[in-house]
N, C-alpha and C. Protein backbone atom coordinates (compact mmCIF):
# COMPACT_ATOMS: atom_id res chain seq x y z
N UNK A 1 39.43 -184.99 31.61
CA UNK A 1 39.17 -184.50 30.78
C UNK A 1 38.38 -185.53 29.71
N UNK A 2 38.40 -186.96 30.09
CA UNK A 2 37.39 -187.39 29.81
C UNK A 2 35.87 -187.55 29.66
N UNK A 3 35.88 -187.21 31.39
CA UNK A 3 34.64 -187.04 31.51
C UNK A 3 34.16 -185.44 30.29
N UNK A 4 34.74 -184.69 30.13
CA UNK A 4 34.77 -183.36 29.47
C UNK A 4 34.31 -184.09 28.46
N UNK A 5 34.62 -184.60 27.54
CA UNK A 5 34.85 -184.92 26.27
C UNK A 5 33.23 -185.53 26.27
N UNK A 6 33.12 -187.12 26.87
CA UNK A 6 32.10 -187.36 27.27
C UNK A 6 30.86 -186.66 27.20
N UNK A 7 30.71 -185.87 28.24
CA UNK A 7 29.59 -184.79 28.71
C UNK A 7 29.90 -184.04 27.25
N UNK A 8 30.50 -183.37 26.47
CA UNK A 8 30.12 -182.80 25.00
C UNK A 8 29.56 -183.51 24.17
N UNK A 9 30.46 -184.62 23.80
CA UNK A 9 29.50 -185.86 22.90
C UNK A 9 27.94 -185.70 23.07
N UNK A 10 27.89 -186.18 24.41
CA UNK A 10 26.41 -186.58 24.70
C UNK A 10 25.24 -185.17 24.88
N UNK A 11 26.03 -184.32 24.87
CA UNK A 11 25.25 -182.87 24.86
C UNK A 11 24.93 -182.86 23.42
N UNK A 12 25.87 -182.99 22.66
CA UNK A 12 25.92 -182.54 20.81
C UNK A 12 25.08 -183.89 20.46
N UNK A 13 25.12 -185.06 20.67
CA UNK A 13 24.16 -186.01 20.07
C UNK A 13 22.59 -185.51 20.36
N UNK A 14 22.31 -185.06 22.18
CA UNK A 14 20.83 -184.86 23.15
C UNK A 14 20.59 -183.15 21.73
N UNK A 15 21.23 -182.40 21.22
CA UNK A 15 20.88 -181.13 20.44
C UNK A 15 20.67 -181.63 19.23
N UNK A 16 21.04 -182.68 18.38
CA UNK A 16 21.14 -182.89 17.41
C UNK A 16 19.77 -183.76 17.15
N UNK A 17 19.63 -184.57 18.29
CA UNK A 17 18.22 -185.09 18.14
C UNK A 17 17.57 -184.03 18.30
N UNK A 18 17.05 -182.95 19.13
CA UNK A 18 16.34 -182.33 19.01
C UNK A 18 16.13 -181.27 17.65
N UNK A 19 17.25 -181.50 16.97
CA UNK A 19 17.00 -180.85 15.92
C UNK A 19 16.40 -181.14 14.93
N UNK A 20 16.62 -182.54 15.03
CA UNK A 20 16.06 -183.74 13.74
C UNK A 20 14.18 -183.54 14.16
N UNK A 21 14.23 -183.87 15.83
CA UNK A 21 12.95 -183.67 15.85
C UNK A 21 12.03 -182.38 15.54
N UNK A 22 12.90 -181.47 15.83
CA UNK A 22 11.86 -179.84 15.55
C UNK A 22 11.94 -180.01 13.65
N UNK A 23 12.73 -180.40 13.03
CA UNK A 23 12.67 -180.36 11.70
C UNK A 23 11.49 -181.46 11.17
N UNK A 24 11.40 -182.46 12.23
CA UNK A 24 10.28 -183.41 11.64
C UNK A 24 8.85 -183.05 11.79
N UNK A 25 8.75 -181.99 12.75
CA UNK A 25 7.79 -181.79 13.30
C UNK A 25 7.57 -180.79 12.38
N UNK A 26 8.23 -179.50 12.02
CA UNK A 26 8.03 -178.67 11.15
C UNK A 26 6.97 -179.01 9.50
N UNK A 27 8.12 -180.45 9.08
CA UNK A 27 7.59 -180.44 7.81
C UNK A 27 6.21 -181.42 8.16
N UNK A 28 5.85 -181.73 9.11
CA UNK A 28 4.72 -182.43 9.50
C UNK A 28 3.91 -181.36 9.24
N UNK A 29 3.81 -180.09 9.89
CA UNK A 29 3.45 -179.35 10.26
C UNK A 29 2.85 -178.09 8.99
N UNK A 30 3.70 -178.38 7.70
CA UNK A 30 3.79 -177.64 6.18
C UNK A 30 3.43 -178.80 5.47
N UNK A 31 3.30 -180.28 5.87
CA UNK A 31 2.63 -181.35 4.87
C UNK A 31 0.96 -180.57 5.37
N UNK A 32 0.56 -180.91 6.84
CA UNK A 32 -0.79 -181.17 7.02
C UNK A 32 -1.42 -179.73 6.93
N UNK A 33 -0.90 -178.77 6.56
CA UNK A 33 -1.08 -177.33 6.94
C UNK A 33 -2.34 -177.07 5.93
N UNK A 34 -2.47 -177.65 4.34
CA UNK A 34 -3.66 -177.51 4.06
C UNK A 34 -4.64 -178.39 4.58
N UNK A 35 -4.88 -179.43 4.92
CA UNK A 35 -5.72 -179.69 5.54
C UNK A 35 -6.77 -179.36 6.55
N UNK A 36 -7.94 -179.59 6.23
CA UNK A 36 -9.07 -179.14 7.00
C UNK A 36 -9.62 -179.73 8.20
N UNK A 37 -9.81 -178.42 9.32
CA UNK A 37 -9.93 -178.95 10.62
C UNK A 37 -11.59 -179.11 10.52
N UNK A 38 -11.93 -179.96 9.95
CA UNK A 38 -13.69 -180.06 10.05
C UNK A 38 -14.12 -179.03 9.41
N UNK A 39 -15.38 -179.43 9.68
CA UNK A 39 -16.31 -178.30 8.95
C UNK A 39 -16.86 -177.04 9.48
N UNK A 40 -17.70 -176.33 8.73
CA UNK A 40 -17.93 -174.99 9.17
C UNK A 40 -18.87 -175.43 10.32
N UNK A 41 -18.68 -174.64 11.23
CA UNK A 41 -19.67 -175.00 12.46
C UNK A 41 -21.69 -174.49 11.79
N UNK A 42 -21.85 -175.11 12.45
CA UNK A 42 -23.67 -174.92 11.87
C UNK A 42 -24.46 -173.38 11.99
N UNK A 43 -24.65 -172.94 11.26
CA UNK A 43 -25.52 -171.57 12.10
C UNK A 43 -26.50 -171.70 12.70
N UNK A 44 -27.51 -172.74 12.42
CA UNK A 44 -28.82 -173.07 13.19
C UNK A 44 -28.01 -173.74 14.52
N UNK A 45 -28.64 -173.45 15.60
CA UNK A 45 -28.22 -174.18 17.03
C UNK A 45 -28.73 -175.61 16.67
N UNK A 46 -27.95 -176.42 16.41
CA UNK A 46 -28.63 -177.70 16.79
C UNK A 46 -28.83 -178.40 17.96
N UNK A 47 -29.99 -179.45 18.60
CA UNK A 47 -30.49 -179.86 19.67
C UNK A 47 -29.06 -180.49 20.59
N UNK A 48 -28.80 -180.27 21.43
CA UNK A 48 -27.52 -180.96 21.98
C UNK A 48 -28.20 -182.15 22.85
N UNK A 49 -27.67 -183.17 22.39
CA UNK A 49 -28.24 -184.70 23.10
C UNK A 49 -27.41 -185.34 23.72
N UNK A 50 -25.74 -184.63 23.62
CA UNK A 50 -24.72 -184.84 25.15
C UNK A 50 -23.76 -184.27 25.00
N UNK A 51 -23.25 -183.94 26.06
CA UNK A 51 -21.93 -183.43 26.00
C UNK A 51 -20.50 -184.10 27.44
N UNK A 52 -19.49 -184.27 26.92
CA UNK A 52 -18.97 -184.85 27.98
C UNK A 52 -17.77 -184.54 28.01
N UNK A 53 -16.60 -184.53 29.35
CA UNK A 53 -15.21 -184.23 29.09
C UNK A 53 -14.51 -185.01 28.58
N UNK A 54 -13.73 -185.32 27.54
CA UNK A 54 -12.38 -186.03 26.91
C UNK A 54 -11.45 -185.52 27.29
N UNK A 55 -10.36 -186.48 27.39
CA UNK A 55 -8.79 -186.18 26.45
C UNK A 55 -8.87 -186.22 24.94
N UNK A 56 -8.47 -185.68 24.28
CA UNK A 56 -7.64 -185.66 22.59
C UNK A 56 -6.72 -186.34 22.87
N UNK A 57 -6.24 -187.28 22.42
CA UNK A 57 -5.38 -188.25 21.92
C UNK A 57 -4.58 -187.77 21.04
N UNK A 58 -5.41 -188.00 19.67
CA UNK A 58 -4.94 -187.75 18.36
C UNK A 58 -5.47 -187.70 17.30
N UNK A 59 -5.32 -186.80 15.79
CA UNK A 59 -5.73 -187.61 14.88
C UNK A 59 -5.02 -187.92 14.12
N UNK A 60 -5.33 -189.34 13.21
CA UNK A 60 -4.05 -190.16 12.23
C UNK A 60 -4.75 -190.32 11.19
N UNK A 61 -4.18 -191.00 9.26
CA UNK A 61 -4.73 -191.60 8.72
C UNK A 61 -5.33 -192.88 8.87
N UNK A 62 -6.56 -192.87 8.09
CA UNK A 62 -7.24 -194.23 8.72
C UNK A 62 -5.90 -195.49 8.42
N UNK A 63 -5.20 -195.05 7.24
CA UNK A 63 -4.53 -196.17 6.91
C UNK A 63 -3.77 -196.27 8.02
N UNK A 64 -2.81 -195.32 8.16
CA UNK A 64 -1.41 -195.14 9.41
C UNK A 64 -2.13 -194.83 10.75
N UNK A 65 -2.35 -195.58 11.39
CA UNK A 65 -2.62 -195.48 12.80
C UNK A 65 -1.90 -194.78 13.51
N UNK A 66 -0.15 -195.01 13.07
CA UNK A 66 0.79 -194.38 14.39
C UNK A 66 1.48 -193.23 13.93
N UNK A 67 0.80 -192.57 12.54
CA UNK A 67 1.27 -191.08 12.36
C UNK A 67 0.45 -190.00 12.52
N UNK A 68 0.77 -189.11 13.01
CA UNK A 68 -0.11 -188.44 13.88
C UNK A 68 -0.18 -186.97 12.39
N UNK A 69 -1.75 -186.83 12.79
CA UNK A 69 -1.44 -185.47 12.07
C UNK A 69 -1.76 -184.33 12.38
N UNK A 70 -0.85 -183.12 11.62
CA UNK A 70 -0.75 -181.82 12.88
C UNK A 70 -1.98 -180.78 11.97
N UNK A 71 -3.22 -181.76 12.22
CA UNK A 71 -4.29 -180.40 11.45
C UNK A 71 -4.42 -178.96 12.38
N UNK A 72 -4.22 -178.23 11.55
CA UNK A 72 -5.18 -177.01 12.47
C UNK A 72 -5.98 -177.48 13.81
N UNK A 73 -5.47 -177.20 14.87
CA UNK A 73 -6.40 -177.46 16.23
C UNK A 73 -6.29 -178.51 16.47
N UNK A 74 -5.76 -179.51 15.55
CA UNK A 74 -6.07 -180.93 16.61
C UNK A 74 -4.54 -181.85 16.37
N UNK A 75 -3.56 -180.66 16.16
CA UNK A 75 -1.87 -181.23 16.48
C UNK A 75 -1.49 -181.92 17.31
N UNK A 76 -2.03 -181.85 18.92
CA UNK A 76 -1.60 -181.66 20.09
C UNK A 76 -2.75 -182.31 21.10
N UNK A 77 -2.25 -182.87 22.09
CA UNK A 77 -3.09 -183.61 22.95
C UNK A 77 -3.77 -182.63 24.01
N UNK A 78 -4.79 -182.77 24.36
CA UNK A 78 -5.37 -181.75 25.53
C UNK A 78 -6.45 -182.08 25.94
N UNK A 79 -6.89 -181.30 26.81
CA UNK A 79 -8.37 -182.04 27.51
C UNK A 79 -9.32 -181.18 26.47
N UNK A 80 -10.30 -181.58 26.52
CA UNK A 80 -11.62 -181.42 25.43
C UNK A 80 -12.76 -181.76 25.81
N UNK A 81 -13.68 -181.03 25.14
CA UNK A 81 -15.78 -181.51 25.49
C UNK A 81 -15.62 -181.83 24.24
N UNK A 82 -16.80 -182.70 24.03
CA UNK A 82 -17.39 -183.81 22.93
C UNK A 82 -18.59 -183.53 23.10
N UNK A 83 -19.66 -182.65 22.25
CA UNK A 83 -20.81 -182.11 22.09
C UNK A 83 -21.37 -182.90 20.78
N UNK A 84 -22.24 -183.84 21.31
CA UNK A 84 -23.13 -184.31 20.02
C UNK A 84 -24.34 -183.64 20.09
N UNK A 85 -24.55 -182.87 18.98
CA UNK A 85 -25.97 -182.47 18.55
C UNK A 85 -26.62 -183.13 17.39
N UNK A 86 -27.96 -183.06 17.19
CA UNK A 86 -28.74 -183.51 15.55
C UNK A 86 -27.84 -183.50 14.82
N UNK A 87 -26.92 -182.41 14.70
CA UNK A 87 -26.55 -182.00 13.43
C UNK A 87 -25.18 -182.90 13.21
N UNK A 88 -24.21 -183.11 14.41
CA UNK A 88 -22.73 -184.06 14.17
C UNK A 88 -22.52 -183.96 15.69
N UNK A 89 -21.07 -183.54 15.77
CA UNK A 89 -20.19 -183.58 16.46
C UNK A 89 -19.05 -181.92 17.01
N UNK A 90 -19.25 -182.07 17.93
CA UNK A 90 -18.76 -180.58 18.16
C UNK A 90 -16.94 -180.91 19.13
N UNK A 91 -15.80 -180.84 18.73
CA UNK A 91 -14.99 -180.75 19.63
C UNK A 91 -13.98 -179.53 20.09
N UNK A 92 -14.67 -179.00 21.36
CA UNK A 92 -13.68 -178.33 21.65
C UNK A 92 -12.52 -178.48 22.39
N UNK A 93 -11.27 -178.59 21.34
CA UNK A 93 -9.84 -178.35 22.42
C UNK A 93 -9.80 -177.07 23.30
N UNK A 94 -9.10 -177.23 24.62
CA UNK A 94 -8.90 -176.35 25.25
C UNK A 94 -7.83 -175.12 24.70
N UNK A 95 -8.08 -173.99 24.32
CA UNK A 95 -7.48 -173.04 23.99
C UNK A 95 -7.37 -173.28 22.06
N UNK A 96 -8.22 -173.78 21.44
CA UNK A 96 -8.53 -173.86 20.14
C UNK A 96 -9.85 -173.85 19.27
N UNK A 97 -10.26 -173.30 18.05
CA UNK A 97 -11.37 -173.14 17.71
C UNK A 97 -12.08 -174.42 18.30
N UNK A 98 -13.21 -174.37 18.07
CA UNK A 98 -14.07 -175.51 17.77
C UNK A 98 -14.35 -176.45 16.69
N UNK A 99 -13.87 -178.07 16.63
CA UNK A 99 -14.18 -178.17 14.83
C UNK A 99 -15.56 -179.02 15.08
N UNK A 100 -16.07 -179.26 13.52
CA UNK A 100 -17.36 -179.65 13.72
C UNK A 100 -17.13 -180.78 12.77
N UNK A 101 -17.71 -181.61 13.09
CA UNK A 101 -18.12 -183.12 11.98
C UNK A 101 -19.17 -183.29 12.36
N UNK A 102 -19.89 -183.05 11.12
CA UNK A 102 -21.40 -183.52 10.84
C UNK A 102 -21.76 -184.81 10.71
N UNK A 103 -22.94 -185.46 11.09
CA UNK A 103 -23.26 -186.75 11.06
C UNK A 103 -22.28 -187.38 9.99
N UNK A 104 -23.42 -187.16 8.51
CA UNK A 104 -23.15 -187.46 7.14
C UNK A 104 -21.65 -187.83 7.11
N UNK A 105 -20.90 -187.25 7.53
CA UNK A 105 -19.18 -187.20 7.71
C UNK A 105 -18.34 -188.19 8.49
N UNK A 106 -19.35 -189.25 9.46
CA UNK A 106 -19.01 -189.79 10.82
C UNK A 106 -18.87 -191.54 9.37
N UNK A 107 -17.77 -191.93 9.53
CA UNK A 107 -17.25 -193.51 9.00
C UNK A 107 -17.41 -194.08 9.51
N UNK A 108 -16.85 -194.04 10.98
CA UNK A 108 -16.26 -195.21 11.57
C UNK A 108 -16.68 -194.88 13.44
N UNK A 109 -17.01 -195.76 13.84
CA UNK A 109 -17.16 -195.47 15.62
C UNK A 109 -16.91 -197.02 16.21
N UNK A 110 -15.64 -196.78 17.12
CA UNK A 110 -15.45 -197.83 17.67
C UNK A 110 -14.48 -197.79 18.68
N UNK A 111 -14.02 -198.76 19.82
CA UNK A 111 -13.44 -198.80 20.74
C UNK A 111 -11.60 -199.09 20.41
N UNK A 112 -10.95 -198.31 21.19
CA UNK A 112 -9.48 -199.02 20.54
C UNK A 112 -8.83 -199.01 22.07
N UNK A 113 -7.72 -199.34 22.00
CA UNK A 113 -7.11 -199.17 22.93
C UNK A 113 -5.68 -198.67 22.82
N UNK A 114 -4.83 -198.51 21.47
CA UNK A 114 -3.51 -197.89 20.93
C UNK A 114 -3.87 -196.75 20.36
N UNK A 115 -3.29 -195.71 20.51
CA UNK A 115 -3.35 -194.80 19.61
C UNK A 115 -1.79 -193.62 19.70
N UNK A 116 -1.42 -193.65 18.49
CA UNK A 116 0.01 -193.56 18.38
C UNK A 116 1.07 -194.06 19.59
N UNK A 117 1.20 -192.98 20.74
CA UNK A 117 2.46 -193.14 22.05
C UNK A 117 1.17 -193.49 23.46
N UNK A 118 0.39 -193.83 22.77
CA UNK A 118 -0.81 -194.19 23.95
C UNK A 118 -1.46 -194.91 24.11
N UNK A 119 -1.59 -195.48 25.18
CA UNK A 119 -1.91 -197.35 25.63
C UNK A 119 -2.79 -197.11 26.88
N UNK A 120 -3.75 -197.68 26.66
CA UNK A 120 -4.85 -197.69 27.65
C UNK A 120 -5.43 -199.23 27.86
N UNK A 121 -6.15 -199.08 29.13
CA UNK A 121 -6.99 -200.01 29.44
C UNK A 121 -7.89 -200.99 28.03
N UNK A 122 -8.18 -202.17 28.28
CA UNK A 122 -8.86 -202.57 26.82
C UNK A 122 -10.30 -201.79 26.35
N UNK A 123 -10.46 -201.56 25.11
CA UNK A 123 -11.58 -200.50 24.99
C UNK A 123 -11.32 -199.17 25.75
N UNK A 124 -10.41 -198.70 26.19
CA UNK A 124 -10.06 -197.12 26.94
C UNK A 124 -10.47 -196.11 25.90
N UNK A 125 -10.42 -196.12 24.99
CA UNK A 125 -10.12 -195.07 23.61
C UNK A 125 -11.53 -195.23 23.05
N UNK A 126 -12.08 -194.20 22.57
CA UNK A 126 -13.12 -193.62 21.51
C UNK A 126 -12.61 -193.60 19.88
N UNK A 127 -12.38 -194.60 19.01
CA UNK A 127 -12.13 -193.93 17.91
C UNK A 127 -13.32 -193.34 17.22
N UNK A 128 -13.16 -192.14 16.59
CA UNK A 128 -14.49 -191.77 16.01
C UNK A 128 -13.46 -191.35 14.68
N UNK A 129 -14.32 -192.31 13.46
CA UNK A 129 -13.38 -192.16 12.14
C UNK A 129 -14.18 -191.25 11.32
N UNK A 130 -13.72 -190.34 10.91
CA UNK A 130 -14.66 -189.07 9.97
C UNK A 130 -14.01 -188.74 8.42
N UNK A 131 -14.71 -188.30 7.61
CA UNK A 131 -14.44 -187.94 6.08
C UNK A 131 -13.96 -186.61 6.25
N UNK A 132 -12.51 -186.34 5.68
CA UNK A 132 -12.37 -184.55 5.66
C UNK A 132 -12.75 -183.78 4.77
N UNK A 133 -13.23 -182.65 4.83
CA UNK A 133 -13.89 -182.06 3.66
C UNK A 133 -13.02 -181.96 2.74
N UNK A 134 -13.45 -181.87 1.62
CA UNK A 134 -12.96 -181.71 -0.17
C UNK A 134 -11.86 -182.29 -0.14
N UNK A 135 -10.92 -183.52 0.42
CA UNK A 135 -10.22 -184.20 0.32
C UNK A 135 -10.36 -185.63 -0.17
N UNK A 136 -11.60 -185.82 -1.34
CA UNK A 136 -11.72 -186.97 -2.18
C UNK A 136 -11.90 -188.32 -0.89
N UNK A 137 -12.78 -187.59 -0.06
CA UNK A 137 -13.04 -188.72 1.10
C UNK A 137 -12.33 -189.51 2.24
N UNK A 138 -11.31 -188.51 1.69
CA UNK A 138 -9.96 -189.39 3.21
C UNK A 138 -10.79 -189.05 4.43
N UNK A 139 -10.49 -190.40 4.88
CA UNK A 139 -11.00 -191.05 6.87
C UNK A 139 -9.65 -190.67 7.13
N UNK A 140 -10.52 -190.26 8.39
CA UNK A 140 -9.23 -189.71 9.87
C UNK A 140 -9.84 -190.45 10.80
N UNK A 141 -8.67 -190.93 11.80
CA UNK A 141 -9.39 -191.02 12.82
C UNK A 141 -8.68 -190.13 13.85
N UNK A 142 -10.09 -190.13 14.86
CA UNK A 142 -9.22 -189.20 16.05
C UNK A 142 -10.05 -189.81 17.31
N UNK A 143 -9.04 -189.72 17.95
CA UNK A 143 -8.85 -190.70 19.84
C UNK A 143 -9.64 -190.01 20.57
N UNK A 144 -9.96 -190.02 21.66
CA UNK A 144 -10.68 -189.80 22.57
C UNK A 144 -10.79 -190.68 23.89
N UNK A 145 -10.35 -190.03 25.15
CA UNK A 145 -10.30 -190.75 26.10
C UNK A 145 -11.79 -190.12 26.95
N UNK A 146 -12.97 -191.15 27.22
CA UNK A 146 -13.72 -190.03 27.93
C UNK A 146 -13.32 -190.03 29.14
N UNK A 147 -13.84 -189.19 30.34
CA UNK A 147 -12.98 -188.76 31.58
C UNK A 147 -13.83 -189.92 32.33
N UNK A 148 -14.95 -189.82 32.45
CA UNK A 148 -15.84 -190.53 32.98
C UNK A 148 -16.28 -191.51 32.57
N UNK A 149 -16.33 -192.75 32.80
CA UNK A 149 -16.02 -194.16 32.26
C UNK A 149 -17.73 -194.78 32.04
N UNK A 150 -18.93 -193.71 33.12
CA UNK A 150 -20.23 -193.67 32.91
C UNK A 150 -21.03 -193.44 31.84
N UNK A 151 -20.36 -192.13 31.19
CA UNK A 151 -20.51 -191.61 29.62
C UNK A 151 -20.52 -192.05 28.34
N UNK A 152 -19.31 -193.18 28.61
CA UNK A 152 -19.00 -193.96 27.44
C UNK A 152 -19.74 -194.77 26.33
N UNK A 153 -20.86 -195.65 27.39
CA UNK A 153 -21.70 -195.78 26.17
C UNK A 153 -23.23 -194.82 25.84
N UNK A 154 -23.18 -193.86 26.56
CA UNK A 154 -24.23 -193.09 26.36
C UNK A 154 -24.12 -192.12 25.00
N UNK A 155 -22.44 -191.91 24.96
CA UNK A 155 -21.84 -191.46 24.00
C UNK A 155 -21.38 -192.24 22.63
N UNK A 156 -21.43 -193.46 22.78
CA UNK A 156 -21.90 -194.18 21.82
C UNK A 156 -22.72 -194.09 21.08
N UNK A 157 -23.29 -194.76 21.96
CA UNK A 157 -25.24 -194.87 21.45
C UNK A 157 -25.81 -193.25 21.06
N UNK A 158 -25.09 -192.51 21.10
CA UNK A 158 -26.23 -190.62 20.53
C UNK A 158 -25.14 -190.57 19.64
N UNK A 159 -23.93 -191.34 19.02
CA UNK A 159 -23.03 -190.75 18.10
C UNK A 159 -24.01 -191.91 17.16
N UNK A 160 -23.73 -193.18 17.44
CA UNK A 160 -24.54 -194.28 16.20
C UNK A 160 -25.82 -193.68 15.91
N UNK A 161 -26.55 -193.25 16.68
CA UNK A 161 -27.98 -192.51 16.23
C UNK A 161 -28.16 -191.22 15.36
N UNK A 162 -27.28 -190.63 15.26
CA UNK A 162 -27.32 -189.27 14.43
C UNK A 162 -26.18 -189.79 13.38
N UNK A 163 -25.62 -190.37 13.38
CA UNK A 163 -24.77 -190.87 12.27
C UNK A 163 -25.42 -192.44 11.65
N UNK A 164 -26.49 -192.96 11.88
CA UNK A 164 -27.06 -194.09 11.57
C UNK A 164 -26.44 -194.26 9.93
N UNK A 165 -26.92 -193.04 8.86
CA UNK A 165 -27.40 -193.27 7.77
C UNK A 165 -25.46 -193.74 7.24
N UNK A 166 -24.85 -192.81 8.23
CA UNK A 166 -23.46 -192.93 7.47
C UNK A 166 -22.27 -193.67 8.14
N UNK A 167 -22.73 -193.87 9.01
CA UNK A 167 -21.87 -195.36 9.48
C UNK A 167 -22.37 -196.23 9.19
N UNK A 168 -20.55 -196.89 9.24
CA UNK A 168 -20.40 -198.28 8.36
C UNK A 168 -19.45 -198.93 9.53
N UNK A 169 -19.47 -200.41 9.81
CA UNK A 169 -18.22 -201.28 10.56
C UNK A 169 -17.34 -201.07 10.00
N UNK A 170 -16.32 -200.83 10.89
CA UNK A 170 -14.67 -200.20 9.97
C UNK A 170 -14.50 -201.82 9.33
N UNK A 171 -14.60 -202.91 9.14
CA UNK A 171 -14.06 -203.93 8.56
C UNK A 171 -14.60 -203.64 7.51
N UNK A 172 -15.59 -202.52 6.83
CA UNK A 172 -16.39 -202.61 5.22
C UNK A 172 -15.80 -201.13 4.67
N UNK A 173 -14.48 -200.85 5.69
CA UNK A 173 -13.96 -199.30 5.27
C UNK A 173 -13.46 -199.35 4.26
N UNK A 174 -13.66 -198.73 2.63
CA UNK A 174 -13.02 -199.48 1.53
C UNK A 174 -11.14 -198.76 2.35
N UNK A 175 -11.29 -197.32 2.69
CA UNK A 175 -9.92 -196.78 2.58
C UNK A 175 -9.26 -198.48 3.42
N UNK A 176 -9.57 -199.04 4.15
CA UNK A 176 -8.40 -200.25 4.89
C UNK A 176 -8.12 -201.07 3.82
N UNK A 177 -8.59 -201.23 2.60
CA UNK A 177 -8.43 -202.46 1.69
C UNK A 177 -7.03 -202.21 0.78
């Protein structure tokens, strides 16, 4: 009898926790539904400068690195292709619409070690900070893990080259103040 009661209580607690998790995710989805998923893809095909396979980890608000945003198309971790063109960065997550980030919207590019629930070796993640369209310049950070470490330096260099006018060091980002 005592075992049955303990089992029932354990199952009830677990179901309650799952219910709270589901409720929280739905609230987050409603909250973030109005946030735009990048910019419209350019009509003209820009010259492709680099393309690499990545693991997309998350997108967070600049001031809240432990709070995942559920922006349409960017809510879940996935394998992806990061393509850098003269016009900007295209992120194509498996099973989602491609997200375009123009070079002029890129605000921060740096290495990271931690993103939400992902911890990797020192500087194992690439943090791409960019301004959401039409949201008063709100900066979000998207985290990627480049699958082939030999591509890391070239991807950093290409993004820094296309975003040279817009890119600022993270220490000078006003949203952190």
